[in-house]
């Protein structure tokens, strides 16, 4: 296990300010390049939502950056809730990558994306689009691919879109609804050809696990772990199990020296992953 330090790190990209927390293992302080996991929070959350995972990654030698999406509730980044959409968050995560890639301690061959709930849907878009070829692996925790359908069921008539609405102690504006209304994640996410790990609770009553079952059949190289009697979010034993699976995934996919002295990823490309 590594020792680590956590500190605030605000990224400036154009006129955008992205606030986050960086968790750095001692190896980075010693001048070594280390793998990086960029972590995306869900709806109503902020960087603190990912803190428990980030600390576990840093203890194992991985840097982790947990960002606040611009315009999200409780965010310290720039922007307003009325401007925020799934696609502005996608841009935030892409911009965060571009700035983090400039840091001397980041191993650009080993950058992973992690997202939970709506952040998982965002991370999936980021991997599928602009920077996908530079993403070593994708980790999705109960990804909210259900959002477009949820929005259409809530407002079947476009003339009834509200100027803003609140849910789960958070607020979004009309722009959020309009941007996602006709979108289909499943037409896009399969563009990412790298390895994917999806973890989803079978008792999730906010995003049904069936959305992840459908996703694992779309990705070229993905593994889905369905965790019994677990809802939307992992705590206690489910959290420990999730960390174990994620760290195993990171260790398996990262191009790092191993104890044999052989550098590089010893895996070969396989087929679609198995259900857990």
C-alpha atoms as a PDB file:
ATOM      1  CA  UNK A   1       0.000   0.000   0.000  1.00  0.00           C
ATOM      2  CA  UNK A   2       1.153   3.549  -0.767  1.00  0.00           C
ATOM      3  CA  UNK A   3       0.864   6.620   1.375  1.00  0.00           C
ATOM      4  CA  UNK A   4      -0.877   9.492  -0.358  1.00  0.00           C
ATOM      5  CA  UNK A   5      -1.841  13.142  -0.073  1.00  0.00           C
ATOM      6  CA  UNK A   6      -5.125  14.793  -1.030  1.00  0.00           C
ATOM      7  CA  UNK A   7      -5.430  18.445  -2.025  1.00  0.00           C
ATOM      8  CA  UNK A   8      -7.668  20.822  -3.957  1.00  0.00           C
ATOM      9  CA  UNK A   9      -6.841  21.210  -7.640  1.00  0.00           C
ATOM     10  CA  UNK A  10      -8.697  23.760  -9.761  1.00  0.00           C
ATOM     11  CA  UNK A  11      -8.257  23.377 -13.512  1.00  0.00           C
ATOM     12  CA  UNK A  12      -8.516  26.379 -15.835  1.00  0.00           C
ATOM     13  CA  UNK A  13      -9.665  25.613 -19.375  1.00  0.00           C
ATOM     14  CA  UNK A  14     -10.448  28.683 -21.460  1.00  0.00           C
ATOM     15  CA  UNK A  15     -12.928  30.687 -19.414  1.00  0.00           C
ATOM     16  CA  UNK A  16     -14.055  27.578 -17.528  1.00  0.00           C
ATOM     17  CA  UNK A  17     -12.993  26.770 -13.980  1.00  0.00           C
ATOM     18  CA  UNK A  18     -13.231  23.119 -12.889  1.00  0.00           C
ATOM     19  CA  UNK A  19     -12.787  22.482  -9.186  1.00  0.00           C
ATOM     20  CA  UNK A  20     -11.704  19.099  -7.917  1.00  0.00           C
ATOM     21  CA  UNK A  21      -9.629  17.118  -5.445  1.00  0.00           C
ATOM     22  CA  UNK A  22      -6.499  15.207  -6.425  1.00  0.00           C
ATOM     23  CA  UNK A  23      -5.386  12.136  -4.494  1.00  0.00           C
ATOM     24  CA  UNK A  24      -1.694  11.475  -5.126  1.00  0.00           C
ATOM     25  CA  UNK A  25       0.314   8.426  -4.036  1.00  0.00           C
ATOM     26  CA  UNK A  26       3.817   9.015  -2.745  1.00  0.00           C
ATOM     27  CA  UNK A  27       5.275   7.732  -6.009  1.00  0.00           C
ATOM     28  CA  UNK A  28       4.020  10.898  -7.729  1.00  0.00           C
ATOM     29  CA  UNK A  29       5.693  13.110  -5.129  1.00  0.00           C
ATOM     30  CA  UNK A  30       8.929  11.205  -5.794  1.00  0.00           C
ATOM     31  CA  UNK A  31       8.827  12.298  -9.436  1.00  0.00           C
ATOM     32  CA  UNK A  32       7.389   9.132 -10.940  1.00  0.00           C
ATOM     33  CA  UNK A  33       4.567   9.099 -13.460  1.00  0.00           C
ATOM     34  CA  UNK A  34       1.549   7.229 -12.094  1.00  0.00           C
ATOM     35  CA  UNK A  35      -1.727   5.965 -13.585  1.00  0.00           C
ATOM     36  CA  UNK A  36      -4.694   8.300 -13.217  1.00  0.00           C
ATOM     37  CA  UNK A  37      -8.392   7.651 -12.608  1.00  0.00           C
ATOM     38  CA  UNK A  38     -10.695  10.593 -13.412  1.00  0.00           C
ATOM     39  CA  UNK A  39     -13.838  10.229 -11.290  1.00  0.00           C
ATOM     40  CA  UNK A  40     -17.281  11.634 -12.133  1.00  0.00           C
ATOM     41  CA  UNK A  41     -20.034  12.107  -9.565  1.00  0.00           C
ATOM     42  CA  UNK A  42     -23.729  11.520 -10.096  1.00  0.00           C
ATOM     43  CA  UNK A  43     -26.749  13.835 -10.158  1.00  0.00           C
ATOM     44  CA  UNK A  44     -26.940  15.920  -6.998  1.00  0.00           C
ATOM     45  CA  UNK A  45     -23.387  15.028  -5.980  1.00  0.00           C
ATOM     46  CA  UNK A  46     -19.976  16.639  -6.181  1.00  0.00           C
ATOM     47  CA  UNK A  47     -16.350  15.578  -5.896  1.00  0.00           C
ATOM     48  CA  UNK A  48     -16.945  14.269  -2.375  1.00  0.00           C
ATOM     49  CA  UNK A  49     -19.189  11.532  -3.791  1.00  0.00           C
ATOM     50  CA  UNK A  50     -16.102   9.838  -5.245  1.00  0.00           C
ATOM     51  CA  UNK A  51     -13.756  10.439  -2.313  1.00  0.00           C
ATOM     52  CA  UNK A  52     -13.962   6.970  -0.757  1.00  0.00           C
ATOM     53  CA  UNK A  53     -13.003   5.329  -4.065  1.00  0.00           C
ATOM     54  CA  UNK A  54     -10.247   7.859  -4.757  1.00  0.00           C
ATOM     55  CA  UNK A  55      -8.593   7.177  -1.409  1.00  0.00           C
ATOM     56  CA  UNK A  56      -8.578   3.436  -2.099  1.00  0.00           C
ATOM     57  CA  UNK A  57      -7.020   3.976  -5.524  1.00  0.00           C
ATOM     58  CA  UNK A  58      -4.332   6.315  -4.135  1.00  0.00           C
ATOM     59  CA  UNK A  59      -3.414   3.756  -1.477  1.00  0.00           C
ATOM     60  CA  UNK A  60      -2.694   1.335  -4.320  1.00  0.00           C
ATOM     61  CA  UNK A  61      -0.501   3.675  -6.349  1.00  0.00           C
ATOM     62  CA  UNK A  62      -3.111   5.267  -8.631  1.00  0.00           C
ATOM     63  CA  UNK A  63      -3.680   9.015  -8.737  1.00  0.00           C
ATOM     64  CA  UNK A  64      -7.352   9.957  -8.692  1.00  0.00           C
ATOM     65  CA  UNK A  65      -8.993  13.252  -9.620  1.00  0.00           C
ATOM     66  CA  UNK A  66     -12.572  13.874  -8.484  1.00  0.00           C
ATOM     67  CA  UNK A  67     -14.146  16.838 -10.248  1.00  0.00           C
ATOM     68  CA  UNK A  68     -17.168  19.025  -9.613  1.00  0.00           C
ATOM     69  CA  UNK A  69     -19.214  19.285 -12.806  1.00  0.00           C
ATOM     70  CA  UNK A  70     -19.878  22.876 -13.852  1.00  0.00           C
ATOM     71  CA  UNK A  71     -23.340  24.014 -12.839  1.00  0.00           C
ATOM     72  CA  UNK A  72     -24.040  20.978 -10.678  1.00  0.00           C
ATOM     73  CA  UNK A  73     -25.703  21.432  -7.296  1.00  0.00           C
ATOM     74  CA  UNK A  74     -23.093  21.952  -4.547  1.00  0.00           C
ATOM     75  CA  UNK A  75     -20.377  22.415  -7.171  1.00  0.00           C
ATOM     76  CA  UNK A  76     -17.418  24.760  -6.687  1.00  0.00           C
ATOM     77  CA  UNK A  77     -16.806  24.878 -10.430  1.00  0.00           C
ATOM     78  CA  UNK A  78     -18.041  27.675 -12.673  1.00  0.00           C
ATOM     79  CA  UNK A  79     -21.420  27.621 -14.428  1.00  0.00           C
ATOM     80  CA  UNK A  80     -25.056  27.565 -13.321  1.00  0.00           C
ATOM     81  CA  UNK A  81     -27.656  24.831 -12.873  1.00  0.00           C
ATOM     82  CA  UNK A  82     -29.719  26.311 -15.695  1.00  0.00           C
ATOM     83  CA  UNK A  83     -26.866  25.824 -18.182  1.00  0.00           C
ATOM     84  CA  UNK A  84     -25.895  22.292 -17.129  1.00  0.00           C
ATOM     85  CA  UNK A  85     -26.767  19.300 -19.343  1.00  0.00           C
ATOM     86  CA  UNK A  86     -25.422  15.797 -19.843  1.00  0.00           C
ATOM     87  CA  UNK A  87     -23.391  17.178 -22.726  1.00  0.00           C
ATOM     88  CA  UNK A  88     -21.899  20.138 -20.838  1.00  0.00           C
ATOM     89  CA  UNK A  89     -20.769  17.586 -18.234  1.00  0.00           C
ATOM     90  CA  UNK A  90     -19.261  15.489 -21.024  1.00  0.00           C
ATOM     91  CA  UNK A  91     -17.304  18.557 -22.126  1.00  0.00           C
ATOM     92  CA  UNK A  92     -16.232  19.241 -18.529  1.00  0.00           C
ATOM     93  CA  UNK A  93     -14.751  15.756 -18.227  1.00  0.00           C
ATOM     94  CA  UNK A  94     -12.990  16.055 -21.587  1.00  0.00           C
ATOM     95  CA  UNK A  95     -11.589  19.463 -20.593  1.00  0.00           C
ATOM     96  CA  UNK A  96     -10.440  18.059 -17.241  1.00  0.00           C
ATOM     97  CA  UNK A  97      -8.578  15.313 -19.103  1.00  0.00           C
ATOM     98  CA  UNK A  98      -6.829  17.836 -21.359  1.00  0.00           C
ATOM     99  CA  UNK A  99      -5.577  19.837 -18.368  1.00  0.00           C
ATOM    100  CA  UNK A 100      -4.636  16.823 -16.242  1.00  0.00           C
ATOM    101  CA  UNK A 101      -2.663  15.399 -19.181  1.00  0.00           C
ATOM    102  CA  UNK A 102      -0.274  18.354 -18.836  1.00  0.00           C
ATOM    103  CA  UNK A 103       0.754  17.381 -15.299  1.00  0.00           C
ATOM    104  CA  UNK A 104       4.222  15.894 -14.977  1.00  0.00           C
ATOM    105  CA  UNK A 105       3.159  12.992 -12.755  1.00  0.00           C
ATOM    106  CA  UNK A 106       0.398  11.649 -15.012  1.00  0.00           C
ATOM    107  CA  UNK A 107       1.163   8.482 -16.987  1.00  0.00           C
ATOM    108  CA  UNK A 108      -0.687   9.216 -20.212  1.00  0.00           C
ATOM    109  CA  UNK A 109      -0.604   5.554 -21.214  1.00  0.00           C
ATOM    110  CA  UNK A 110      -2.724   4.673 -18.189  1.00  0.00           C
ATOM    111  CA  UNK A 111      -5.648   7.057 -17.816  1.00  0.00           C
ATOM    112  CA  UNK A 112      -8.942   5.515 -16.710  1.00  0.00           C
ATOM    113  CA  UNK A 113     -12.428   7.010 -16.403  1.00  0.00           C
ATOM    114  CA  UNK A 114     -14.836   6.181 -13.590  1.00  0.00           C
ATOM    115  CA  UNK A 115     -18.384   7.448 -13.258  1.00  0.00           C
ATOM    116  CA  UNK A 116     -21.268   6.744 -10.921  1.00  0.00           C
ATOM    117  CA  UNK A 117     -24.954   7.013 -11.861  1.00  0.00           C
ATOM    118  CA  UNK A 118     -25.333  10.056 -14.164  1.00  0.00           C
ATOM    119  CA  UNK A 119     -21.565  10.473 -14.001  1.00  0.00           C
ATOM    120  CA  UNK A 120     -21.308   6.952 -15.370  1.00  0.00           C
ATOM    121  CA  UNK A 121     -23.434   7.931 -18.357  1.00  0.00           C
ATOM    122  CA  UNK A 122     -21.220  10.976 -18.853  1.00  0.00           C
ATOM    123  CA  UNK A 123     -17.996   8.942 -18.606  1.00  0.00           C
ATOM    124  CA  UNK A 124     -19.409   6.510 -21.171  1.00  0.00           C
ATOM    125  CA  UNK A 125     -19.954   9.399 -23.610  1.00  0.00           C
ATOM    126  CA  UNK A 126     -16.453  10.757 -23.021  1.00  0.00           C
ATOM    127  CA  UNK A 127     -14.926   7.351 -23.739  1.00  0.00           C
ATOM    128  CA  UNK A 128     -17.037   6.967 -26.877  1.00  0.00           C
ATOM    129  CA  UNK A 129     -16.204  10.338 -28.346  1.00  0.00           C
ATOM    130  CA  UNK A 130     -13.294  12.806 -28.495  1.00  0.00           C
ATOM    131  CA  UNK A 131     -10.677  11.262 -26.186  1.00  0.00           C
ATOM    132  CA  UNK A 132     -11.758   7.629 -26.382  1.00  0.00           C
ATOM    133  CA  UNK A 133      -8.549   6.426 -28.009  1.00  0.00           C
ATOM    134  CA  UNK A 134      -6.600   7.808 -25.046  1.00  0.00           C
ATOM    135  CA  UNK A 135      -8.728   6.104 -22.387  1.00  0.00           C
ATOM    136  CA  UNK A 136      -7.114   2.916 -21.068  1.00  0.00           C
ATOM    137  CA  UNK A 137     -10.270   1.598 -19.425  1.00  0.00           C
ATOM    138  CA  UNK A 138     -13.778   2.589 -18.364  1.00  0.00           C
ATOM    139  CA  UNK A 139     -15.458   1.858 -15.019  1.00  0.00           C
ATOM    140  CA  UNK A 140     -19.203   2.422 -14.733  1.00  0.00           C
ATOM    141  CA  UNK A 141     -21.029   2.205 -11.404  1.00  0.00           C
ATOM    142  CA  UNK A 142     -24.811   1.832 -11.856  1.00  0.00           C
ATOM    143  CA  UNK A 143     -24.685   4.112 -14.948  1.00  0.00           C
ATOM    144  CA  UNK A 144     -27.854   6.125 -15.522  1.00  0.00           C
ATOM    145  CA  UNK A 145     -28.556   5.224 -19.138  1.00  0.00           C
ATOM    146  CA  UNK A 146     -32.210   5.452 -18.098  1.00  0.00           C
ATOM    147  CA  UNK A 147     -32.305   9.259 -18.050  1.00  0.00           C
ATOM    148  CA  UNK A 148     -33.759   9.925 -21.534  1.00  0.00           C
ATOM    149  CA  UNK A 149     -36.618   7.482 -20.943  1.00  0.00           C
ATOM    150  CA  UNK A 150     -37.219   8.877 -17.457  1.00  0.00           C
ATOM    151  CA  UNK A 151     -37.449  12.389 -18.898  1.00  0.00           C
ATOM    152  CA  UNK A 152     -39.863  11.361 -21.649  1.00  0.00           C
ATOM    153  CA  UNK A 153     -42.118   9.577 -19.158  1.00  0.00           C
ATOM    154  CA  UNK A 154     -42.137  12.627 -16.902  1.00  0.00           C
ATOM    155  CA  UNK A 155     -42.908  15.047 -19.755  1.00  0.00           C
ATOM    156  CA  UNK A 156     -44.529  13.236 -22.696  1.00  0.00           C
ATOM    157  CA  UNK A 157     -45.600  16.602 -24.097  1.00  0.00           C
ATOM    158  CA  UNK A 158     -42.797  18.962 -25.089  1.00  0.00           C
ATOM    159  CA  UNK A 159     -45.061  21.945 -24.442  1.00  0.00           C
ATOM    160  CA  UNK A 160     -45.046  21.062 -20.747  1.00  0.00           C
ATOM    161  CA  UNK A 161     -41.283  21.333 -20.168  1.00  0.00           C
ATOM    162  CA  UNK A 162     -40.701  23.337 -16.972  1.00  0.00           C
ATOM    163  CA  UNK A 163     -38.117  26.105 -16.780  1.00  0.00           C
ATOM    164  CA  UNK A 164     -36.490  24.147 -13.956  1.00  0.00           C
ATOM    165  CA  UNK A 165     -37.211  21.172 -11.757  1.00  0.00           C
ATOM    166  CA  UNK A 166     -35.767  19.599  -8.650  1.00  0.00           C
ATOM    167  CA  UNK A 167     -35.187  15.982  -7.672  1.00  0.00           C
ATOM    168  CA  UNK A 168     -32.926  14.283  -5.098  1.00  0.00           C
ATOM    169  CA  UNK A 169     -32.240  17.679  -3.480  1.00  0.00           C
ATOM    170  CA  UNK A 170     -30.805  19.018  -6.731  1.00  0.00           C
ATOM    171  CA  UNK A 171     -32.069  21.268  -9.504  1.00  0.00           C
ATOM    172  CA  UNK A 172     -31.664  21.396 -13.284  1.00  0.00           C
ATOM    173  CA  UNK A 173     -33.036  23.719 -15.920  1.00  0.00           C
ATOM    174  CA  UNK A 174     -35.067  23.342 -19.094  1.00  0.00           C
ATOM    175  CA  UNK A 175     -31.844  23.021 -21.124  1.00  0.00           C
ATOM    176  CA  UNK A 176     -31.126  19.689 -19.406  1.00  0.00           C
ATOM    177  CA  UNK A 177     -34.487  18.254 -20.490  1.00  0.00           C
ATOM    178  CA  UNK A 178     -34.309  19.562 -24.047  1.00  0.00           C
ATOM    179  CA  UNK A 179     -30.768  18.286 -24.628  1.00  0.00           C
ATOM    180  CA  UNK A 180     -31.402  14.702 -23.515  1.00  0.00           C
ATOM    181  CA  UNK A 181     -35.035  14.221 -24.571  1.00  0.00           C
ATOM    182  CA  UNK A 182     -34.446  12.380 -27.862  1.00  0.00           C
ATOM    183  CA  UNK A 183     -31.002  10.986 -27.066  1.00  0.00           C
ATOM    184  CA  UNK A 184     -30.157   7.272 -27.067  1.00  0.00           C
ATOM    185  CA  UNK A 185     -27.005   6.312 -25.161  1.00  0.00           C
ATOM    186  CA  UNK A 186     -26.986   2.883 -26.761  1.00  0.00           C
ATOM    187  CA  UNK A 187     -26.424   4.357 -30.209  1.00  0.00           C
ATOM    188  CA  UNK A 188     -23.186   5.977 -29.021  1.00  0.00           C
ATOM    189  CA  UNK A 189     -21.489   4.135 -26.165  1.00  0.00           C
ATOM    190  CA  UNK A 190     -20.429   1.098 -28.206  1.00  0.00           C
ATOM    191  CA  UNK A 191     -17.934   3.258 -30.116  1.00  0.00           C
ATOM    192  CA  UNK A 192     -15.539   2.731 -27.220  1.00  0.00           C
ATOM    193  CA  UNK A 193     -13.570  -0.413 -27.998  1.00  0.00           C
ATOM    194  CA  UNK A 194     -11.472  -0.566 -24.836  1.00  0.00           C
ATOM    195  CA  UNK A 195     -12.124  -2.627 -21.703  1.00  0.00           C
ATOM    196  CA  UNK A 196     -15.183  -1.767 -19.621  1.00  0.00           C
ATOM    197  CA  UNK A 197     -16.173  -2.822 -16.118  1.00  0.00           C
ATOM    198  CA  UNK A 198     -19.795  -2.249 -15.068  1.00  0.00           C
ATOM    199  CA  UNK A 199     -21.010  -2.776 -11.500  1.00  0.00           C
ATOM    200  CA  UNK A 200     -24.745  -2.567 -10.744  1.00  0.00           C
ATOM    201  CA  UNK A 201     -26.940  -3.524  -7.810  1.00  0.00           C
ATOM    202  CA  UNK A 202     -29.767  -5.923  -8.611  1.00  0.00           C
ATOM    203  CA  UNK A 203     -32.099  -4.109  -6.192  1.00  0.00           C
ATOM    204  CA  UNK A 204     -31.485  -0.656  -7.706  1.00  0.00           C
ATOM    205  CA  UNK A 205     -34.871   1.093  -7.802  1.00  0.00           C
ATOM    206  CA  UNK A 206     -33.555   4.310  -9.378  1.00  0.00           C
ATOM    207  CA  UNK A 207     -31.701   2.873 -12.391  1.00  0.00           C
ATOM    208  CA  UNK A 208     -32.779  -0.702 -13.050  1.00  0.00           C
ATOM    209  CA  UNK A 209     -29.902  -3.125 -13.616  1.00  0.00           C
ATOM    210  CA  UNK A 210     -31.431  -4.047 -16.976  1.00  0.00           C
ATOM    211  CA  UNK A 211     -29.954  -0.863 -18.435  1.00  0.00           C
ATOM    212  CA  UNK A 212     -26.466  -2.202 -17.686  1.00  0.00           C
ATOM    213  CA  UNK A 213     -27.383  -5.647 -19.014  1.00  0.00           C
ATOM    214  CA  UNK A 214     -28.239  -3.991 -22.305  1.00  0.00           C
ATOM    215  CA  UNK A 215     -25.001  -1.964 -22.237  1.00  0.00           C
ATOM    216  CA  UNK A 216     -22.725  -4.973 -21.711  1.00  0.00           C
ATOM    217  CA  UNK A 217     -24.169  -6.500 -24.864  1.00  0.00           C
ATOM    218  CA  UNK A 218     -23.244  -3.376 -26.844  1.00  0.00           C
ATOM    219  CA  UNK A 219     -19.658  -2.853 -25.736  1.00  0.00           C
ATOM    220  CA  UNK A 220     -17.070  -4.921 -27.654  1.00  0.00           C
ATOM    221  CA  UNK A 221     -15.115  -5.784 -24.479  1.00  0.00           C
ATOM    222  CA  UNK A 222     -17.094  -5.424 -21.276  1.00  0.00           C
ATOM    223  CA  UNK A 223     -17.749  -7.251 -18.043  1.00  0.00           C
ATOM    224  CA  UNK A 224     -20.850  -6.723 -15.908  1.00  0.00           C
ATOM    225  CA  UNK A 225     -21.021  -7.611 -12.227  1.00  0.00           C
ATOM    226  CA  UNK A 226     -24.576  -7.727 -10.883  1.00  0.00           C
ATOM    227  CA  UNK A 227     -24.510  -7.421  -7.098  1.00  0.00           C
ATOM    228  CA  UNK A 228     -27.458  -9.004  -5.317  1.00  0.00           C
ATOM    229  CA  UNK A 229     -29.650  -7.151  -2.794  1.00  0.00           C
ATOM    230  CA  UNK A 230     -27.818  -3.864  -3.409  1.00  0.00           C
ATOM    231  CA  UNK A 231     -29.509  -0.627  -4.401  1.00  0.00           C
ATOM    232  CA  UNK A 232     -28.352   2.609  -6.045  1.00  0.00           C
ATOM    233  CA  UNK A 233     -24.970   3.210  -4.456  1.00  0.00           C
ATOM    234  CA  UNK A 234     -22.520   0.927  -2.728  1.00  0.00           C
ATOM    235  CA  UNK A 235     -21.881   0.999   1.020  1.00  0.00           C
ATOM    236  CA  UNK A 236     -20.491  -1.427   3.575  1.00  0.00           C
ATOM    237  CA  UNK A 237     -19.687  -4.826   2.129  1.00  0.00           C
ATOM    238  CA  UNK A 238     -20.902  -3.799  -1.325  1.00  0.00           C
ATOM    239  CA  UNK A 239     -18.408  -0.913  -1.348  1.00  0.00           C
ATOM    240  CA  UNK A 240     -15.547  -3.221  -0.338  1.00  0.00           C
ATOM    241  CA  UNK A 241     -16.565  -5.673  -3.048  1.00  0.00           C
ATOM    242  CA  UNK A 242     -16.727  -2.874  -5.628  1.00  0.00           C
ATOM    243  CA  UNK A 243     -13.259  -1.616  -4.674  1.00  0.00           C
ATOM    244  CA  UNK A 244     -11.863  -5.132  -4.978  1.00  0.00           C
ATOM    245  CA  UNK A 245     -13.339  -5.567  -8.468  1.00  0.00           C
ATOM    246  CA  UNK A 246     -12.268  -2.094  -9.634  1.00  0.00           C
ATOM    247  CA  UNK A 247      -8.700  -2.398  -8.349  1.00  0.00           C
ATOM    248  CA  UNK A 248      -8.442  -5.821  -9.963  1.00  0.00           C
ATOM    249  CA  UNK A 249      -9.610  -4.276 -13.234  1.00  0.00           C
ATOM    250  CA  UNK A 250      -7.105  -1.411 -12.966  1.00  0.00           C
ATOM    251  CA  UNK A 251      -4.223  -3.747 -12.151  1.00  0.00           C
ATOM    252  CA  UNK A 252      -5.187  -6.055 -15.014  1.00  0.00           C
ATOM    253  CA  UNK A 253      -5.527  -3.347 -17.648  1.00  0.00           C
ATOM    254  CA  UNK A 254      -2.736  -0.906 -16.737  1.00  0.00           C
ATOM    255  CA  UNK A 255       0.499  -1.134 -18.716  1.00  0.00           C
ATOM    256  CA  UNK A 256       2.789  -1.331 -15.704  1.00  0.00           C
ATOM    257  CA  UNK A 257       5.875  -3.351 -14.803  1.00  0.00           C
ATOM    258  CA  UNK A 258       5.055  -6.570 -12.974  1.00  0.00           C
ATOM    259  CA  UNK A 259       7.092  -8.691 -10.597  1.00  0.00           C
ATOM    260  CA  UNK A 260       8.508 -10.741 -13.460  1.00  0.00           C
ATOM    261  CA  UNK A 261      10.212  -7.626 -14.838  1.00  0.00           C
ATOM    262  CA  UNK A 262       8.118  -7.729 -18.002  1.00  0.00           C
ATOM    263  CA  UNK A 263       6.576  -4.388 -18.902  1.00  0.00           C
ATOM    264  CA  UNK A 264       3.174  -4.018 -20.441  1.00  0.00           C
ATOM    265  CA  UNK A 265      -0.317  -5.413 -20.337  1.00  0.00           C
ATOM    266  CA  UNK A 266      -0.230  -9.207 -20.310  1.00  0.00           C
ATOM    267  CA  UNK A 267      -3.878  -9.463 -21.351  1.00  0.00           C
ATOM    268  CA  UNK A 268      -5.223 -10.315 -24.727  1.00  0.00           C
ATOM    269  CA  UNK A 269      -8.493  -9.042 -26.136  1.00  0.00           C
ATOM    270  CA  UNK A 270     -11.372 -11.295 -25.246  1.00  0.00           C
ATOM    271  CA  UNK A 271     -15.034 -11.357 -25.930  1.00  0.00           C
ATOM    272  CA  UNK A 272     -17.906  -9.905 -23.972  1.00  0.00           C
ATOM    273  CA  UNK A 273     -17.516 -10.239 -20.219  1.00  0.00           C
ATOM    274  CA  UNK A 274     -19.448 -12.549 -17.966  1.00  0.00           C
ATOM    275  CA  UNK A 275     -22.139 -11.640 -15.498  1.00  0.00           C
ATOM    276  CA  UNK A 276     -21.023 -11.618 -11.869  1.00  0.00           C
END
